Structures are given as structure tokens and as C-alpha cells.
Amino acid sequence: MLSEKDFLEKQIVICFTMKGHKISFKNDNIIIKDSEENTIMQASCHRIFAVWIIGPVTITSGIMERSRKFGFSICLMNYNHKLYGLLNSSTEGNFLLRRKQYSYNSLDIPKHLIRNKIFNQIELLSSMRQKTLFQKEVIKDLKSHIEQLENVEELTSLLGIEGSASRIFFSNWFADMPWKGRKPRAKVDIINTTLDIGYTYLFYLIESMLNLYGFDLYQGTLHKCFYQRKSLVCDLVEPFRCIVDKQVRKAYSLKQLKPSDFREYKGQYFLKTEKNKEYSFWIMEGILNYKSEMFRYVRDYYRAFIRGKSINQYPFFKINGE
């Protein structure tokens, strides 16, 4: 298993390509060249945790072999950050873990995940300066949502509490920004579009971490099985969504997130291609500030699950609201 010390030495390579670019290897280095054979990126395979390529690219068989040998995944996305190809390097044969996944039938873990998510939403709202009386009441309301989790006996009721808490949180956290409420993947405004990008990066990072242990990514506890949905990844993303929420609000206040950086098409907002690198930098900067915490969370989740520990021994992520 990858240790935390080794993980911290690894890097996530994000590369933006154009038609005719090619990814290959040489002397255990990953190399990306443009159509004129000029090297635009080079990194040691020993230090790579994941490679995310945004844009068209040609991949040689050699780099596929190196991906498996050195244990890094390759995600291929278009300019709108939609996945069109994935080469995953994962631990195979952990049948004891998967047997436990398939036999799990409880609400303890789903409750824990939602409790963690709402806790961090409260932390973010509590960090706002000069809170109004209404905002203070909102924080109390979210705390009552956590209390309601204790008596939930159905997954649908649990999801109802989570949905209600998220609506309350979003309507206050982004209240002073030009947005129309959280609408996943609808791209109805620049805030929703940017959140989608951040959540996508977060998803692929959590997925790569889960692959270290041999989980069946399609077998979730909170998000039930659905065709081609990696429900377990969706589960463990929930406590960390607050990182993206925090970074998007910060970027808007610093004017890093601007309407002029987007193009509108049929009522949807898309980030301009030339702004991809800039936005990816500050989004990933916020996410990787919690790189260690995320690694320890997934590691400790695995240990607690495989050993059948009580729910109070599962990891709990706390965001820094400052």
C-alpha cells in the first residue's frame, strides 16, 4: 500500500492539449509533445499519482504499460471537463473487501457521511464575518438537521435531510453572487459551471485514492447502485465538497472568477478554452491544500471498513473555515 509519506511526494499532472499532441514515455519519464514534436511537458513516472489530460491527445501503448507499472491513472477529458477515456491503475483481488461491500446493509456510514458534510457547511457559514440574525438562524437550522439524522431509518429520509441542508447552505453561501441556485451539470450560470469543474477534479482525485485499496467503486452505501455510476466515489466526495465551495467563493471575491471568462450558448455557460489552465490552477490549489487530509481519510475509511469498526472510529474531515 502507498504510504502517506510516499503519497506526498507524488504529483497530479494536468496537461492541456491541442489536436496532434501525443503522450509517450522515455527513460521512465512521461512526455507530451505537440504536433511539431516539441516537448510541452515532461515528468518522472516515479513521482506521478495521476495524469489528467484536457483536450485531444494520442496515447502510445508504452505509456499504458507505464501507467500500470508505476500505478498512476490517466483521465482524458474534453475542454468542458467531460470524461471520454480513463486508464485506471487499481489494486486487484481484494475479495475480502468487496465481499464486505456487497454484504453491507446499514445506514451508519451514510449517516456519518451526511453528518460530516453538514458539519463542514456549518463551519463555512460560521466563518462569514458580520453574520446577520437570519444567517445565525440558518446555522441553527443546519445543526438541527444533524440532530435529525439520529432517528432516520430510511435512506430516502436521509437523502431528504441532505438535500434540505444543501439548499439552505447554498442559498446563503452564494447569496451575494450571480447564480440561480445549485443545478448540477446544467451550467445555468458561471457559479454552477465552476462548481461542476471543481467537483469533477475532486471526484477523480478521490477515485484514484480509492483505487489504491481495491474497492468496487460502483458499490456505494449512500449512493445506491446505478448503471455505470461510481457510487462509492460519490459517497466519499460528499465530506470534501466544501473545499470547492470555499475556493469558488474566495475566487469570486478576488475577481479570479469573472463573467467575461465564460461564453454563453443556448442558456448555458462554458468556460473559455484559453481560461482552462488559469481556473484549473486555483481550483486545484484549494483542493491540494487538503491533500494529506484526503489521503488519510480514504486510508482510515478503508481500515475501519475492512476491520468492521464501529462508526465512531471512521474518519471525520474538518475544513478550516478561516
C-alpha atoms as a PDB file:
ATOM      1  CA  MET A   1       0.000   0.000   0.000  1.00  0.00           C
ATOM      2  CA  LEU A   2       1.150   3.551  -0.694  1.00  0.00           C
ATOM      3  CA  SER A   3       2.246   5.324   2.497  1.00  0.00           C
ATOM      4  CA  GLU A   4       1.318   8.911   3.292  1.00  0.00           C
ATOM      5  CA  LYS A   5       4.978   9.949   3.024  1.00  0.00           C
ATOM      6  CA  ASP A   6       5.231   8.445  -0.461  1.00  0.00           C
ATOM      7  CA  PHE A   7       1.884   9.934  -1.464  1.00  0.00           C
ATOM      8  CA  LEU A   8       3.002  13.441  -0.528  1.00  0.00           C
ATOM      9  CA  GLU A   9       5.941  13.041  -2.906  1.00  0.00           C
ATOM     10  CA  LYS A  10       3.581  12.244  -5.761  1.00  0.00           C
ATOM     11  CA  GLN A  11       2.125  14.834  -8.102  1.00  0.00           C
ATOM     12  CA  ILE A  12      -1.004  15.239 -10.166  1.00  0.00           C
ATOM     13  CA  VAL A  13      -0.095  16.261 -13.694  1.00  0.00           C
ATOM     14  CA  ILE A  14      -2.700  18.365 -15.508  1.00  0.00           C
ATOM     15  CA  CYS A  15      -1.975  18.984 -19.168  1.00  0.00           C
ATOM     16  CA  PHE A  16      -3.945  20.978 -21.732  1.00  0.00           C
ATOM     17  CA  THR A  17      -3.537  19.704 -25.266  1.00  0.00           C
ATOM     18  CA  MET A  18      -4.470  20.567 -28.819  1.00  0.00           C
ATOM     19  CA  LYS A  19      -5.116  18.379 -31.842  1.00  0.00           C
ATOM     20  CA  GLY A  20      -1.995  16.468 -32.855  1.00  0.00           C
ATOM     21  CA  HIS A  21      -0.451  16.298 -29.376  1.00  0.00           C
ATOM     22  CA  LYS A  22       0.982  12.932 -28.310  1.00  0.00           C
ATOM     23  CA  ILE A  23       1.725  11.351 -24.931  1.00  0.00           C
ATOM     24  CA  SER A  24       4.524   8.790 -24.694  1.00  0.00           C
ATOM     25  CA  PHE A  25       7.439   7.802 -22.447  1.00  0.00           C
ATOM     26  CA  LYS A  26      11.217   7.839 -22.489  1.00  0.00           C
ATOM     27  CA  ASN A  27      13.574   6.580 -19.762  1.00  0.00           C
ATOM     28  CA  ASP A  28      10.631   6.209 -17.345  1.00  0.00           C
ATOM     29  CA  ASN A  29       9.540   9.789 -17.994  1.00  0.00           C
ATOM     30  CA  ILE A  30       6.125  10.709 -19.307  1.00  0.00           C
ATOM     31  CA  ILE A  31       6.410  13.150 -22.202  1.00  0.00           C
ATOM     32  CA  ILE A  32       3.766  15.167 -24.022  1.00  0.00           C
ATOM     33  CA  LYS A  33       4.709  16.647 -27.396  1.00  0.00           C
ATOM     34  CA  ASP A  34       2.877  18.967 -29.742  1.00  0.00           C
ATOM     35  CA  SER A  35       2.222  18.293 -33.426  1.00  0.00           C
ATOM     36  CA  GLU A  36       5.727  19.554 -34.300  1.00  0.00           C
ATOM     37  CA  GLU A  37       7.378  17.148 -31.825  1.00  0.00           C
ATOM     38  CA  ASN A  38       8.231  19.906 -29.348  1.00  0.00           C
ATOM     39  CA  THR A  39       8.117  18.749 -25.702  1.00  0.00           C
ATOM     40  CA  ILE A  40       5.497  20.707 -23.757  1.00  0.00           C
ATOM     41  CA  MET A  41       5.555  18.591 -20.586  1.00  0.00           C
ATOM     42  CA  GLN A  42       7.846  16.021 -19.008  1.00  0.00           C
ATOM     43  CA  ALA A  43       7.645  14.312 -15.616  1.00  0.00           C
ATOM     44  CA  SER A  44       9.136  11.251 -13.924  1.00  0.00           C
ATOM     45  CA  CYS A  45       6.747   8.285 -13.786  1.00  0.00           C
ATOM     46  CA  HIS A  46       8.082   7.542 -10.295  1.00  0.00           C
ATOM     47  CA  ARG A  47       6.543  10.762  -8.953  1.00  0.00           C
ATOM     48  CA  ILE A  48       3.167  10.698 -10.693  1.00  0.00           C
ATOM     49  CA  PHE A  49      -0.062   9.865  -8.883  1.00  0.00           C
ATOM     50  CA  ALA A  50      -2.426  10.768 -11.723  1.00  0.00           C
ATOM     51  CA  VAL A  51      -2.365  12.399 -15.145  1.00  0.00           C
ATOM     52  CA  TRP A  52      -5.345  14.485 -16.234  1.00  0.00           C
ATOM     53  CA  ILE A  53      -5.339  15.477 -19.888  1.00  0.00           C
ATOM     54  CA  ILE A  54      -7.800  18.114 -21.041  1.00  0.00           C
ATOM     55  CA  GLY A  55      -8.168  18.198 -24.788  1.00  0.00           C
ATOM     56  CA  PRO A  56      -7.414  15.756 -27.668  1.00  0.00           C
ATOM     57  CA  VAL A  57      -4.299  13.575 -27.473  1.00  0.00           C
ATOM     58  CA  THR A  58      -2.785  10.423 -28.953  1.00  0.00           C
ATOM     59  CA  ILE A  59      -1.594   7.811 -26.433  1.00  0.00           C
ATOM     60  CA  THR A  60       1.069   5.219 -27.195  1.00  0.00           C
ATOM     61  CA  SER A  61       0.948   1.650 -25.898  1.00  0.00           C
ATOM     62  CA  GLY A  62       4.124   2.331 -23.940  1.00  0.00           C
ATOM     63  CA  ILE A  63       2.510   4.899 -21.688  1.00  0.00           C
ATOM     64  CA  MET A  64      -0.338   2.473 -20.985  1.00  0.00           C
ATOM     65  CA  GLU A  65       2.244  -0.051 -19.784  1.00  0.00           C
ATOM     66  CA  ARG A  66       3.938   2.594 -17.607  1.00  0.00           C
ATOM     67  CA  SER A  67       0.583   3.587 -16.116  1.00  0.00           C
ATOM     68  CA  ARG A  68       0.149   0.045 -14.840  1.00  0.00           C
ATOM     69  CA  LYS A  69       3.777  -0.421 -13.813  1.00  0.00           C
ATOM     70  CA  PHE A  70       4.058   2.783 -11.787  1.00  0.00           C
ATOM     71  CA  GLY A  71       0.483   2.800 -10.542  1.00  0.00           C
ATOM     72  CA  PHE A  72      -0.865   6.084 -11.886  1.00  0.00           C
ATOM     73  CA  SER A  73      -4.190   6.693 -13.606  1.00  0.00           C
ATOM     74  CA  ILE A  74      -4.787   8.690 -16.770  1.00  0.00           C
ATOM     75  CA  CYS A  75      -8.015  10.683 -17.161  1.00  0.00           C
ATOM     76  CA  LEU A  76      -8.892  12.036 -20.587  1.00  0.00           C
ATOM     77  CA  MET A  77     -11.322  14.963 -20.652  1.00  0.00           C
ATOM     78  CA  ASN A  78     -12.647  17.297 -23.295  1.00  0.00           C
ATOM     79  CA  TYR A  79     -12.475  21.072 -22.907  1.00  0.00           C
ATOM     80  CA  ASN A  80     -15.761  21.045 -20.966  1.00  0.00           C
ATOM     81  CA  HIS A  81     -14.185  18.606 -18.456  1.00  0.00           C
ATOM     82  CA  LYS A  82     -16.339  15.698 -19.553  1.00  0.00           C
ATOM     83  CA  LEU A  83     -14.550  12.353 -19.254  1.00  0.00           C
ATOM     84  CA  TYR A  84     -14.114  10.475 -22.532  1.00  0.00           C
ATOM     85  CA  GLY A  85     -11.413   7.997 -21.530  1.00  0.00           C
ATOM     86  CA  LEU A  86      -9.906   6.515 -18.381  1.00  0.00           C
ATOM     87  CA  LEU A  87      -6.894   4.298 -17.737  1.00  0.00           C
ATOM     88  CA  ASN A  88      -7.091   3.263 -14.102  1.00  0.00           C
ATOM     89  CA  SER A  89      -4.351   1.631 -12.103  1.00  0.00           C
ATOM     90  CA  SER A  90      -6.027  -0.167  -9.219  1.00  0.00           C
ATOM     91  CA  THR A  91      -5.335  -2.849  -6.649  1.00  0.00           C
ATOM     92  CA  GLU A  92      -6.849  -6.110  -7.788  1.00  0.00           C
ATOM     93  CA  GLY A  93      -8.034  -9.196  -5.945  1.00  0.00           C
ATOM     94  CA  ASN A  94      -9.085  -7.693  -2.605  1.00  0.00           C
ATOM     95  CA  PHE A  95     -12.038 -10.067  -2.476  1.00  0.00           C
ATOM     96  CA  LEU A  96     -12.462  -9.776   1.318  1.00  0.00           C
ATOM     97  CA  LEU A  97     -13.029  -6.047   0.976  1.00  0.00           C
ATOM     98  CA  ARG A  98     -15.522  -6.484  -1.838  1.00  0.00           C
ATOM     99  CA  ARG A  99     -17.342  -9.237  -0.003  1.00  0.00           C
ATOM    100  CA  LYS A 100     -17.848  -6.817   2.884  1.00  0.00           C
ATOM    101  CA  GLN A 101     -19.023  -4.130   0.462  1.00  0.00           C
ATOM    102  CA  TYR A 102     -21.664  -6.393  -1.078  1.00  0.00           C
ATOM    103  CA  SER A 103     -22.957  -7.578   2.297  1.00  0.00           C
ATOM    104  CA  TYR A 104     -23.096  -4.123   3.932  1.00  0.00           C
ATOM    105  CA  ASN A 105     -26.666  -3.214   4.837  1.00  0.00           C
ATOM    106  CA  SER A 106     -26.823  -0.344   7.313  1.00  0.00           C
ATOM    107  CA  LEU A 107     -27.358   3.408   7.479  1.00  0.00           C
ATOM    108  CA  ASP A 108     -24.435   4.019   9.844  1.00  0.00           C
ATOM    109  CA  ILE A 109     -21.947   5.022   7.146  1.00  0.00           C
ATOM    110  CA  PRO A 110     -24.426   7.093   5.083  1.00  0.00           C
ATOM    111  CA  LYS A 111     -25.428   8.990   8.238  1.00  0.00           C
ATOM    112  CA  HIS A 112     -21.774   9.559   9.082  1.00  0.00           C
ATOM    113  CA  LEU A 113     -21.031  10.933   5.614  1.00  0.00           C
ATOM    114  CA  ILE A 114     -24.004  13.320   5.663  1.00  0.00           C
ATOM    115  CA  ARG A 115     -23.213  14.417   9.224  1.00  0.00           C
ATOM    116  CA  ASN A 116     -19.673  15.235   8.108  1.00  0.00           C
ATOM    117  CA  LYS A 117     -20.932  17.148   5.064  1.00  0.00           C
ATOM    118  CA  ILE A 118     -23.401  19.285   7.030  1.00  0.00           C
ATOM    119  CA  PHE A 119     -20.797  19.894   9.761  1.00  0.00           C
ATOM    120  CA  ASN A 120     -18.474  21.447   7.171  1.00  0.00           C
ATOM    121  CA  GLN A 121     -21.285  23.510   5.691  1.00  0.00           C
ATOM    122  CA  ILE A 122     -21.859  24.913   9.168  1.00  0.00           C
ATOM    123  CA  GLU A 123     -18.127  25.598   9.518  1.00  0.00           C
ATOM    124  CA  LEU A 124     -18.102  27.628   6.306  1.00  0.00           C
ATOM    125  CA  LEU A 125     -21.189  29.650   7.204  1.00  0.00           C
ATOM    126  CA  SER A 126     -19.817  30.261  10.703  1.00  0.00           C
ATOM    127  CA  SER A 127     -16.642  31.688   9.170  1.00  0.00           C
ATOM    128  CA  MET A 128     -18.566  34.506   7.469  1.00  0.00           C
ATOM    129  CA  ARG A 129     -17.901  37.858   9.069  1.00  0.00           C
ATOM    130  CA  GLN A 130     -20.666  40.134  10.361  1.00  0.00           C
ATOM    131  CA  LYS A 131     -23.364  37.494  10.166  1.00  0.00           C
ATOM    132  CA  THR A 132     -26.929  38.727  10.146  1.00  0.00           C
ATOM    133  CA  LEU A 133     -29.546  37.432  12.579  1.00  0.00           C
ATOM    134  CA  PHE A 134     -31.023  35.431   9.711  1.00  0.00           C
ATOM    135  CA  GLN A 135     -27.667  33.775   8.951  1.00  0.00           C
ATOM    136  CA  LYS A 136     -27.288  32.824  12.604  1.00  0.00           C
ATOM    137  CA  GLU A 137     -30.710  31.198  12.452  1.00  0.00           C
ATOM    138  CA  VAL A 138     -29.641  29.321   9.328  1.00  0.00           C
ATOM    139  CA  ILE A 139     -26.669  27.849  11.213  1.00  0.00           C
ATOM    140  CA  LYS A 140     -29.022  26.723  13.992  1.00  0.00           C
ATOM    141  CA  ASP A 141     -31.290  25.164  11.384  1.00  0.00           C
ATOM    142  CA  LEU A 142     -28.391  23.182   9.915  1.00  0.00           C
ATOM    143  CA  LYS A 143     -27.431  21.970  13.377  1.00  0.00           C
ATOM    144  CA  SER A 144     -30.985  20.698  13.811  1.00  0.00           C
ATOM    145  CA  HIS A 145     -30.572  18.787  10.539  1.00  0.00           C
ATOM    146  CA  ILE A 146     -27.626  16.933  12.083  1.00  0.00           C
ATOM    147  CA  GLU A 147     -29.763  16.077  15.128  1.00  0.00           C
ATOM    148  CA  GLN A 148     -32.487  14.697  12.850  1.00  0.00           C
ATOM    149  CA  LEU A 149     -30.051  12.149  11.416  1.00  0.00           C
ATOM    150  CA  GLU A 150     -30.129  10.113  14.607  1.00  0.00           C
ATOM    151  CA  ASN A 151     -33.736   8.993  14.148  1.00  0.00           C
ATOM    152  CA  VAL A 152     -33.615   8.286  10.416  1.00  0.00           C
ATOM    153  CA  GLU A 153     -34.459   4.712   9.459  1.00  0.00           C
ATOM    154  CA  GLU A 154     -34.858   5.005   5.684  1.00  0.00           C
ATOM    155  CA  LEU A 155     -32.302   6.044   3.067  1.00  0.00           C
ATOM    156  CA  THR A 156     -34.874   8.229   1.313  1.00  0.00           C
ATOM    157  CA  SER A 157     -35.402  10.213   4.537  1.00  0.00           C
ATOM    158  CA  LEU A 158     -31.643  10.586   4.930  1.00  0.00           C
ATOM    159  CA  LEU A 159     -31.311  11.915   1.389  1.00  0.00           C
ATOM    160  CA  GLY A 160     -34.180  14.300   2.110  1.00  0.00           C
ATOM    161  CA  ILE A 161     -32.299  15.781   5.070  1.00  0.00           C
ATOM    162  CA  GLU A 162     -29.123  16.076   2.993  1.00  0.00           C
ATOM    163  CA  GLY A 163     -30.981  17.809   0.173  1.00  0.00           C
ATOM    164  CA  SER A 164     -32.693  20.238   2.534  1.00  0.00           C
ATOM    165  CA  ALA A 165     -29.400  21.098   4.261  1.00  0.00           C
ATOM    166  CA  SER A 166     -27.651  21.693   0.934  1.00  0.00           C
ATOM    167  CA  ARG A 167     -30.387  24.026  -0.313  1.00  0.00           C
ATOM    168  CA  ILE A 168     -30.151  26.053   2.891  1.00  0.00           C
ATOM    169  CA  PHE A 169     -26.367  26.170   2.711  1.00  0.00           C
ATOM    170  CA  PHE A 170     -26.101  27.136  -0.957  1.00  0.00           C
ATOM    171  CA  SER A 171     -28.778  29.826  -0.733  1.00  0.00           C
ATOM    172  CA  ASN A 172     -26.702  31.569   1.933  1.00  0.00           C
ATOM    173  CA  TRP A 173     -23.114  30.785   0.960  1.00  0.00           C
ATOM    174  CA  PHE A 174     -23.516  32.149  -2.569  1.00  0.00           C
ATOM    175  CA  ALA A 175     -26.295  34.644  -1.780  1.00  0.00           C
ATOM    176  CA  ASP A 176     -24.279  37.668  -2.917  1.00  0.00           C
ATOM    177  CA  MET A 177     -23.222  36.125  -6.230  1.00  0.00           C
ATOM    178  CA  PRO A 178     -24.958  35.947  -9.633  1.00  0.00           C
ATOM    179  CA  TRP A 179     -26.398  32.472  -9.540  1.00  0.00           C
ATOM    180  CA  LYS A 180     -29.733  30.647  -9.719  1.00  0.00           C
ATOM    181  CA  GLY A 181     -29.304  28.008  -7.040  1.00  0.00           C
ATOM    182  CA  ARG A 182     -27.376  24.758  -7.277  1.00  0.00           C
ATOM    183  CA  LYS A 183     -28.218  22.946 -10.513  1.00  0.00           C
ATOM    184  CA  PRO A 184     -25.680  20.152 -11.157  1.00  0.00           C
ATOM    185  CA  ARG A 185     -24.374  19.906 -14.731  1.00  0.00           C
ATOM    186  CA  ALA A 186     -26.995  22.371 -16.014  1.00  0.00           C
ATOM    187  CA  LYS A 187     -24.427  25.208 -16.401  1.00  0.00           C
ATOM    188  CA  VAL A 188     -27.136  27.818 -15.889  1.00  0.00           C
ATOM    189  CA  ASP A 189     -24.643  30.384 -14.563  1.00  0.00           C
ATOM    190  CA  ILE A 190     -20.910  30.828 -14.044  1.00  0.00           C
ATOM    191  CA  ILE A 191     -21.026  29.680 -10.399  1.00  0.00           C
ATOM    192  CA  ASN A 192     -22.680  26.355 -11.237  1.00  0.00           C
ATOM    193  CA  THR A 193     -20.266  25.780 -14.123  1.00  0.00           C
ATOM    194  CA  THR A 194     -17.234  26.437 -11.922  1.00  0.00           C
ATOM    195  CA  LEU A 195     -18.577  24.234  -9.117  1.00  0.00           C
ATOM    196  CA  ASP A 196     -19.010  21.415 -11.637  1.00  0.00           C
ATOM    197  CA  ILE A 197     -15.365  21.739 -12.692  1.00  0.00           C
ATOM    198  CA  GLY A 198     -14.179  21.694  -9.081  1.00  0.00           C
ATOM    199  CA  TYR A 199     -16.351  18.732  -8.121  1.00  0.00           C
ATOM    200  CA  THR A 200     -15.104  16.862 -11.218  1.00  0.00           C
ATOM    201  CA  TYR A 201     -11.470  17.294 -10.173  1.00  0.00           C
ATOM    202  CA  LEU A 202     -12.361  16.280  -6.623  1.00  0.00           C
ATOM    203  CA  PHE A 203     -14.135  13.170  -7.924  1.00  0.00           C
ATOM    204  CA  TYR A 204     -11.148  11.965  -9.956  1.00  0.00           C
ATOM    205  CA  LEU A 205      -8.764  12.540  -7.061  1.00  0.00           C
ATOM    206  CA  ILE A 206     -10.926  10.549  -4.617  1.00  0.00           C
ATOM    207  CA  GLU A 207     -11.366   7.831  -7.249  1.00  0.00           C
ATOM    208  CA  SER A 208      -7.599   7.478  -7.661  1.00  0.00           C
ATOM    209  CA  MET A 209      -7.183   7.190  -3.897  1.00  0.00           C
ATOM    210  CA  LEU A 210      -9.889   4.533  -3.560  1.00  0.00           C
ATOM    211  CA  ASN A 211      -8.215   2.503  -6.300  1.00  0.00           C
ATOM    212  CA  LEU A 212      -5.192   2.071  -4.022  1.00  0.00           C
ATOM    213  CA  TYR A 213      -7.172  -0.386  -1.891  1.00  0.00           C
ATOM    214  CA  GLY A 214      -9.205  -2.420  -4.357  1.00  0.00           C
ATOM    215  CA  PHE A 215     -12.714  -1.140  -3.636  1.00  0.00           C
ATOM    216  CA  ASP A 216     -15.537  -1.829  -6.052  1.00  0.00           C
ATOM    217  CA  LEU A 217     -16.164   1.808  -6.943  1.00  0.00           C
ATOM    218  CA  TYR A 218     -19.693   1.042  -8.156  1.00  0.00           C
ATOM    219  CA  GLN A 219     -20.831  -0.310  -4.777  1.00  0.00           C
ATOM    220  CA  GLY A 220     -21.814   2.638  -2.572  1.00  0.00           C
ATOM    221  CA  THR A 221     -23.559   2.980   0.771  1.00  0.00           C
ATOM    222  CA  LEU A 222     -25.162   6.422   0.499  1.00  0.00           C
ATOM    223  CA  HIS A 223     -25.482   6.485  -3.290  1.00  0.00           C
ATOM    224  CA  LYS A 224     -27.062   3.185  -4.222  1.00  0.00           C
ATOM    225  CA  CYS A 225     -26.051   1.146  -7.246  1.00  0.00           C
ATOM    226  CA  PHE A 226     -26.978   2.702 -10.566  1.00  0.00           C
ATOM    227  CA  TYR A 227     -25.786   1.665 -14.014  1.00  0.00           C
ATOM    228  CA  GLN A 228     -22.240   2.976 -14.692  1.00  0.00           C
ATOM    229  CA  ARG A 229     -22.275   5.310 -11.677  1.00  0.00           C
ATOM    230  CA  LYS A 230     -19.280   5.021  -9.351  1.00  0.00           C
ATOM    231  CA  SER A 231     -21.442   5.294  -6.275  1.00  0.00           C
ATOM    232  CA  LEU A 232     -18.666   4.767  -3.729  1.00  0.00           C
ATOM    233  CA  VAL A 233     -16.690   7.674  -5.168  1.00  0.00           C
ATOM    234  CA  CYS A 234     -19.838   9.811  -4.971  1.00  0.00           C
ATOM    235  CA  ASP A 235     -20.141   8.779  -1.308  1.00  0.00           C
ATOM    236  CA  LEU A 236     -16.664   9.834  -0.253  1.00  0.00           C
ATOM    237  CA  VAL A 237     -16.734  13.063  -2.235  1.00  0.00           C
ATOM    238  CA  GLU A 238     -19.543  14.406  -0.023  1.00  0.00           C
ATOM    239  CA  PRO A 239     -17.481  15.474   3.051  1.00  0.00           C
ATOM    240  CA  PHE A 240     -14.995  17.284   0.770  1.00  0.00           C
ATOM    241  CA  ARG A 241     -17.346  19.286  -1.455  1.00  0.00           C
ATOM    242  CA  CYS A 242     -16.958  22.154   0.991  1.00  0.00           C
ATOM    243  CA  ILE A 243     -13.362  22.630  -0.230  1.00  0.00           C
ATOM    244  CA  VAL A 244     -14.602  23.534  -3.701  1.00  0.00           C
ATOM    245  CA  ASP A 245     -17.444  25.653  -2.277  1.00  0.00           C
ATOM    246  CA  LYS A 246     -14.931  27.623  -0.246  1.00  0.00           C
ATOM    247  CA  GLN A 247     -12.487  28.060  -3.129  1.00  0.00           C
ATOM    248  CA  VAL A 248     -15.157  29.255  -5.577  1.00  0.00           C
ATOM    249  CA  ARG A 249     -16.422  31.898  -3.158  1.00  0.00           C
ATOM    250  CA  LYS A 250     -12.858  33.028  -2.472  1.00  0.00           C
ATOM    251  CA  ALA A 251     -12.063  33.233  -6.193  1.00  0.00           C
ATOM    252  CA  TYR A 252     -15.164  35.318  -6.851  1.00  0.00           C
ATOM    253  CA  SER A 253     -14.251  37.787  -4.111  1.00  0.00           C
ATOM    254  CA  LEU A 254     -10.703  38.039  -5.525  1.00  0.00           C
ATOM    255  CA  LYS A 255     -12.110  38.546  -9.051  1.00  0.00           C
ATOM    256  CA  GLN A 256     -10.419  35.377 -10.295  1.00  0.00           C
ATOM    257  CA  LEU A 257     -13.864  34.182 -11.382  1.00  0.00           C
ATOM    258  CA  LYS A 258     -15.351  36.620 -13.899  1.00  0.00           C
ATOM    259  CA  PRO A 259     -18.333  36.530 -16.310  1.00  0.00           C
ATOM    260  CA  SER A 260     -16.028  37.561 -19.170  1.00  0.00           C
ATOM    261  CA  ASP A 261     -14.168  34.248 -18.807  1.00  0.00           C
ATOM    262  CA  PHE A 262     -17.254  32.337 -19.986  1.00  0.00           C
ATOM    263  CA  ARG A 263     -19.195  32.041 -23.220  1.00  0.00           C
ATOM    264  CA  GLU A 264     -22.952  31.581 -23.289  1.00  0.00           C
ATOM    265  CA  TYR A 265     -24.626  29.107 -25.620  1.00  0.00           C
ATOM    266  CA  LYS A 266     -28.349  28.303 -25.511  1.00  0.00           C
ATOM    267  CA  GLY A 267     -28.680  29.444 -21.924  1.00  0.00           C
ATOM    268  CA  GLN A 268     -25.617  27.533 -20.718  1.00  0.00           C
ATOM    269  CA  TYR A 269     -22.272  28.956 -19.617  1.00  0.00           C
ATOM    270  CA  PHE A 270     -18.995  27.352 -20.674  1.00  0.00           C
ATOM    271  CA  LEU A 271     -15.519  28.287 -19.539  1.00  0.00           C
ATOM    272  CA  LYS A 272     -13.477  29.628 -22.443  1.00  0.00           C
ATOM    273  CA  THR A 273     -10.771  27.204 -23.561  1.00  0.00           C
ATOM    274  CA  GLU A 274      -7.975  29.711 -23.018  1.00  0.00           C
ATOM    275  CA  LYS A 275      -9.066  30.090 -19.369  1.00  0.00           C
ATOM    276  CA  ASN A 276      -8.914  26.365 -18.559  1.00  0.00           C
ATOM    277  CA  LYS A 277      -5.361  26.431 -17.252  1.00  0.00           C
ATOM    278  CA  GLU A 278      -5.916  29.506 -15.084  1.00  0.00           C
ATOM    279  CA  TYR A 279      -9.086  28.146 -13.450  1.00  0.00           C
ATOM    280  CA  SER A 280      -7.632  24.669 -13.016  1.00  0.00           C
ATOM    281  CA  PHE A 281      -4.684  26.187 -11.148  1.00  0.00           C
ATOM    282  CA  TRP A 282      -6.653  27.992  -8.457  1.00  0.00           C
ATOM    283  CA  ILE A 283      -9.271  25.244  -8.136  1.00  0.00           C
ATOM    284  CA  MET A 284      -6.617  22.558  -7.636  1.00  0.00           C
ATOM    285  CA  GLU A 285      -4.654  24.831  -5.334  1.00  0.00           C
ATOM    286  CA  GLY A 286      -7.619  24.840  -2.957  1.00  0.00           C
ATOM    287  CA  ILE A 287      -8.150  21.083  -3.224  1.00  0.00           C
ATOM    288  CA  LEU A 288      -4.494  20.155  -2.767  1.00  0.00           C
ATOM    289  CA  ASN A 289      -4.277  22.269   0.373  1.00  0.00           C
ATOM    290  CA  TYR A 290      -6.062  19.267   1.905  1.00  0.00           C
ATOM    291  CA  LYS A 291      -4.060  16.603   0.088  1.00  0.00           C
ATOM    292  CA  SER A 292      -2.832  14.938   3.299  1.00  0.00           C
ATOM    293  CA  GLU A 293      -6.243  15.061   4.974  1.00  0.00           C
ATOM    294  CA  MET A 294      -7.898  13.450   1.960  1.00  0.00           C
ATOM    295  CA  PHE A 295      -5.321  10.668   1.762  1.00  0.00           C
ATOM    296  CA  ARG A 296      -5.652   9.891   5.485  1.00  0.00           C
ATOM    297  CA  TYR A 297      -9.448   9.966   5.230  1.00  0.00           C
ATOM    298  CA  VAL A 298      -9.586   7.365   2.459  1.00  0.00           C
ATOM    299  CA  ARG A 299      -6.910   5.245   4.144  1.00  0.00           C
ATOM    300  CA  ASP A 300      -8.689   5.314   7.513  1.00  0.00           C
ATOM    301  CA  TYR A 301     -12.049   4.675   5.853  1.00  0.00           C
ATOM    302  CA  TYR A 302     -10.579   1.522   4.314  1.00  0.00           C
ATOM    303  CA  ARG A 303      -9.098   0.378   7.618  1.00  0.00           C
ATOM    304  CA  ALA A 304     -12.334   0.972   9.510  1.00  0.00           C
ATOM    305  CA  PHE A 305     -14.456  -0.748   6.869  1.00  0.00           C
ATOM    306  CA  ILE A 306     -12.280  -3.828   6.342  1.00  0.00           C
ATOM    307  CA  ARG A 307     -11.907  -4.335  10.122  1.00  0.00           C
ATOM    308  CA  GLY A 308     -15.596  -3.812  10.852  1.00  0.00           C
ATOM    309  CA  LYS A 309     -15.003  -0.970  13.300  1.00  0.00           C
ATOM    310  CA  SER A 310     -17.798   1.000  14.976  1.00  0.00           C
ATOM    311  CA  ILE A 311     -18.907   4.160  13.198  1.00  0.00           C
ATOM    312  CA  ASN A 312     -17.276   6.477  15.753  1.00  0.00           C
ATOM    313  CA  GLN A 313     -13.924   5.083  14.596  1.00  0.00           C
ATOM    314  CA  TYR A 314     -14.470   6.161  10.989  1.00  0.00           C
ATOM    315  CA  PRO A 315     -12.596   9.277   9.789  1.00  0.00           C
ATOM    316  CA  PHE A 316     -14.192  12.722  10.035  1.00  0.00           C
ATOM    317  CA  PHE A 317     -12.925  15.569   7.878  1.00  0.00           C
ATOM    318  CA  LYS A 318     -12.990  19.101   9.289  1.00  0.00           C
ATOM    319  CA  ILE A 319     -12.444  22.016   6.944  1.00  0.00           C
ATOM    320  CA  ASN A 320     -10.599  25.123   8.031  1.00  0.00           C
ATOM    321  CA  GLY A 321     -13.274  27.797   7.778  1.00  0.00           C
ATOM    322  CA  GLU A 322     -10.814  30.677   8.032  1.00  0.00           C
END
